[in-house]
Amino acid sequence: MDDYTALEAQADVPFYTVDGTAEIMIPAHHVHGCLANASDLCSASIRIARTEQIRTVVTSSDWRTGKTEPDGTWERFVVVKSGSGQSLSNQRALRTNPYIAGFDTTGELHFIGDKEQLPKLREFLAWAGREIGLGAARKLGWGRFEIKSFEAVKESA
């Protein structure tokens, strides 16, 4: 029962955190999801890889936010659906989620392309931030970001 109670407490944490601390992070798999969605939707002129290949061409670290508390709570009424997506009722249910806003984050991307492709990678990432975003409710415009700094760092062997 103690294990179950510990799992329940862990499941109630609304954000991913850094190594058991309170610092909120954006996990790498959310970054990969953003890039895959961007690769699927962007024009071929800025696409750096096919959707099926994007997770091989670009890998990401977790992105630290420096935040430890939510900035607010988002409340909305939603249609109740089954696991298959079928509406169970035409009545709405209240959903409440905490969110963070207005922060700078840093992370690393590992790109297997050559140096000549870095401007295209930056353009692709800028498009992904502007048009796709990270995290929940991306379709509603949440999670949009802009690139403030983009540096190529050569890895040591």
Protein backbone atom coordinates (compact mmCIF):
# COMPACT_ATOMS: atom_id res chain seq x y z
CA MET A 1 0.00 0.00 0.00
CA ASP A 2 2.92 2.36 0.71
CA ASP A 3 4.21 1.89 -2.85
CA TYR A 4 0.76 2.68 -4.23
CA THR A 5 0.46 5.82 -2.10
CA ALA A 6 3.92 6.97 -3.27
CA LEU A 7 2.92 6.41 -6.92
CA GLU A 8 -0.28 8.40 -6.39
CA ALA A 9 1.69 11.31 -4.96
CA GLN A 10 4.13 11.15 -7.87
CA ALA A 11 1.27 11.12 -10.40
CA ASP A 12 -0.25 14.24 -8.82
CA VAL A 13 2.85 16.35 -9.60
CA PRO A 14 1.66 18.59 -12.48
CA PHE A 15 5.06 19.18 -14.13
CA TYR A 16 8.21 17.30 -15.00
CA THR A 17 10.97 18.32 -12.59
CA VAL A 18 14.76 18.20 -12.58
CA ASP A 19 16.19 15.24 -10.66
CA GLY A 20 13.59 15.25 -7.89
CA THR A 21 13.96 18.99 -7.20
CA ALA A 22 11.14 21.49 -7.55
CA GLU A 23 12.60 23.04 -10.74
CA ILE A 24 10.22 22.60 -13.67
CA MET A 25 11.68 21.30 -16.93
CA ILE A 26 10.50 20.57 -20.44
CA PRO A 27 11.45 16.95 -21.07
CA ALA A 28 13.30 15.93 -24.22
CA HIS A 29 10.38 13.84 -25.46
CA HIS A 30 8.21 16.99 -25.60
CA VAL A 31 10.89 18.71 -27.69
CA HIS A 32 11.03 15.68 -29.99
CA GLY A 33 7.24 15.75 -30.32
CA CYS A 34 7.35 19.42 -31.30
CA LEU A 35 10.04 18.75 -33.91
CA ALA A 36 8.20 15.74 -35.34
CA ASN A 37 4.97 17.73 -35.62
CA ALA A 38 6.87 20.62 -37.23
CA SER A 39 8.56 18.27 -39.70
CA ASP A 40 5.17 16.90 -40.66
CA LEU A 41 3.60 20.34 -41.24
CA CYS A 42 6.32 22.72 -42.43
CA SER A 43 7.18 23.39 -46.05
CA ALA A 44 9.86 21.28 -47.70
CA SER A 45 12.09 24.34 -48.05
CA ILE A 46 12.77 24.48 -44.30
CA ARG A 47 12.30 20.81 -43.37
CA ILE A 48 15.59 19.32 -42.15
CA ALA A 49 14.39 15.70 -42.16
CA ARG A 50 11.32 13.60 -42.85
CA THR A 51 9.01 13.09 -39.89
CA GLU A 52 10.11 9.47 -39.58
CA GLN A 53 13.78 10.53 -39.41
CA ILE A 54 13.63 13.68 -37.27
CA ARG A 55 14.34 11.93 -33.96
CA THR A 56 17.51 10.48 -35.49
CA VAL A 57 18.71 13.70 -37.12
CA VAL A 58 18.05 15.91 -34.08
CA THR A 59 18.15 14.76 -30.46
CA SER A 60 17.50 16.98 -27.48
CA SER A 61 18.38 17.35 -23.85
CA ASP A 62 15.78 18.28 -21.26
CA TRP A 63 15.21 22.05 -21.17
CA ARG A 64 15.43 23.72 -17.74
CA THR A 65 13.03 26.57 -16.98
CA GLY A 66 14.33 27.89 -13.65
CA LYS A 67 10.74 27.94 -12.37
CA THR A 68 9.54 26.04 -9.32
CA GLU A 69 5.90 27.17 -9.14
CA PRO A 70 3.09 27.56 -11.68
CA ASP A 71 2.21 31.06 -12.88
CA GLY A 72 -1.51 30.41 -13.01
CA THR A 73 -4.30 27.92 -13.52
CA TRP A 74 -6.05 27.27 -16.80
CA GLU A 75 -9.71 26.26 -16.45
CA ARG A 76 -11.99 25.21 -19.28
CA PHE A 77 -15.05 23.07 -19.97
CA VAL A 78 -14.39 20.15 -22.32
CA VAL A 79 -16.41 17.41 -23.98
CA VAL A 80 -16.03 14.14 -22.08
CA LYS A 81 -14.60 11.45 -24.38
CA SER A 82 -13.75 7.78 -24.10
CA GLY A 83 -10.26 6.43 -24.67
CA SER A 84 -11.11 5.90 -28.36
CA GLY A 85 -12.13 9.55 -28.74
CA GLN A 86 -15.88 8.98 -28.90
CA SER A 87 -17.97 11.61 -27.07
CA LEU A 88 -19.59 10.10 -24.00
CA SER A 89 -21.92 13.00 -23.37
CA ASN A 90 -22.83 16.39 -24.76
CA GLN A 91 -22.34 17.79 -21.26
CA ARG A 92 -19.02 19.45 -20.49
CA ALA A 93 -16.63 18.68 -17.65
CA LEU A 94 -14.42 21.24 -15.93
CA ARG A 95 -10.69 20.62 -16.42
CA THR A 96 -8.09 22.56 -14.44
CA ASN A 97 -4.36 22.60 -15.11
CA PRO A 98 -1.52 24.76 -13.78
CA TYR A 99 0.75 26.45 -16.34
CA ILE A 100 4.02 28.37 -16.52
CA ALA A 101 4.59 31.44 -18.67
CA GLY A 102 7.12 34.13 -19.45
CA PHE A 103 10.41 32.32 -18.93
CA ASP A 104 13.68 31.64 -20.70
CA THR A 105 14.84 28.07 -21.06
CA THR A 106 18.03 26.50 -22.27
CA GLY A 107 18.74 23.13 -23.75
CA GLU A 108 20.99 21.33 -26.17
CA LEU A 109 20.18 19.86 -29.54
CA HIS A 110 22.50 17.36 -31.18
CA PHE A 111 22.34 17.59 -34.98
CA ILE A 112 23.95 15.03 -37.29
CA GLY A 113 23.98 17.37 -40.29
CA ASP A 114 26.94 19.45 -41.43
CA LYS A 115 27.77 23.09 -40.60
CA GLU A 116 26.27 24.34 -43.88
CA GLN A 117 22.83 23.14 -42.70
CA LEU A 118 22.88 25.08 -39.40
CA PRO A 119 21.05 28.16 -40.81
CA LYS A 120 18.32 25.84 -42.10
CA LEU A 121 18.14 24.12 -38.69
CA ARG A 122 17.73 27.50 -36.99
CA GLU A 123 14.98 28.48 -39.43
CA PHE A 124 13.25 25.14 -38.84
CA LEU A 125 13.43 25.57 -35.04
CA ALA A 126 12.13 29.15 -35.29
CA TRP A 127 9.20 27.92 -37.40
CA ALA A 128 8.50 25.10 -34.91
CA GLY A 129 8.44 27.58 -32.03
CA ARG A 130 6.21 30.04 -33.85
CA GLU A 131 3.77 27.56 -35.40
CA ILE A 132 3.82 24.41 -33.24
CA GLY A 133 5.06 25.06 -29.68
CA LEU A 134 5.82 22.77 -26.75
CA GLY A 135 3.68 21.03 -24.15
CA ALA A 136 -0.05 20.69 -23.72
CA ALA A 137 -2.72 22.58 -25.68
CA ARG A 138 -0.42 23.43 -28.59
CA LYS A 139 -3.43 23.49 -30.91
CA LEU A 140 -4.83 26.36 -28.85
CA GLY A 141 -1.67 28.45 -29.19
CA TRP A 142 -0.03 27.56 -25.88
CA GLY A 143 3.67 26.71 -25.67
CA ARG A 144 4.86 28.99 -28.46
CA PHE A 145 8.49 30.07 -28.21
CA GLU A 146 11.15 32.12 -29.96
CA ILE A 147 14.85 31.49 -30.25
CA LYS A 148 16.95 34.13 -28.50
CA SER A 149 20.32 32.44 -28.89
CA PHE A 150 21.53 29.71 -31.23
CA GLU A 151 25.12 28.54 -31.02
CA ALA A 152 26.87 25.69 -32.73
CA VAL A 153 29.25 23.94 -30.39
CA LYS A 154 31.59 21.30 -31.71
CA GLU A 155 31.59 18.19 -29.60
CA SER A 156 34.88 16.86 -28.38
CA ALA A 157 35.75 13.32 -29.40
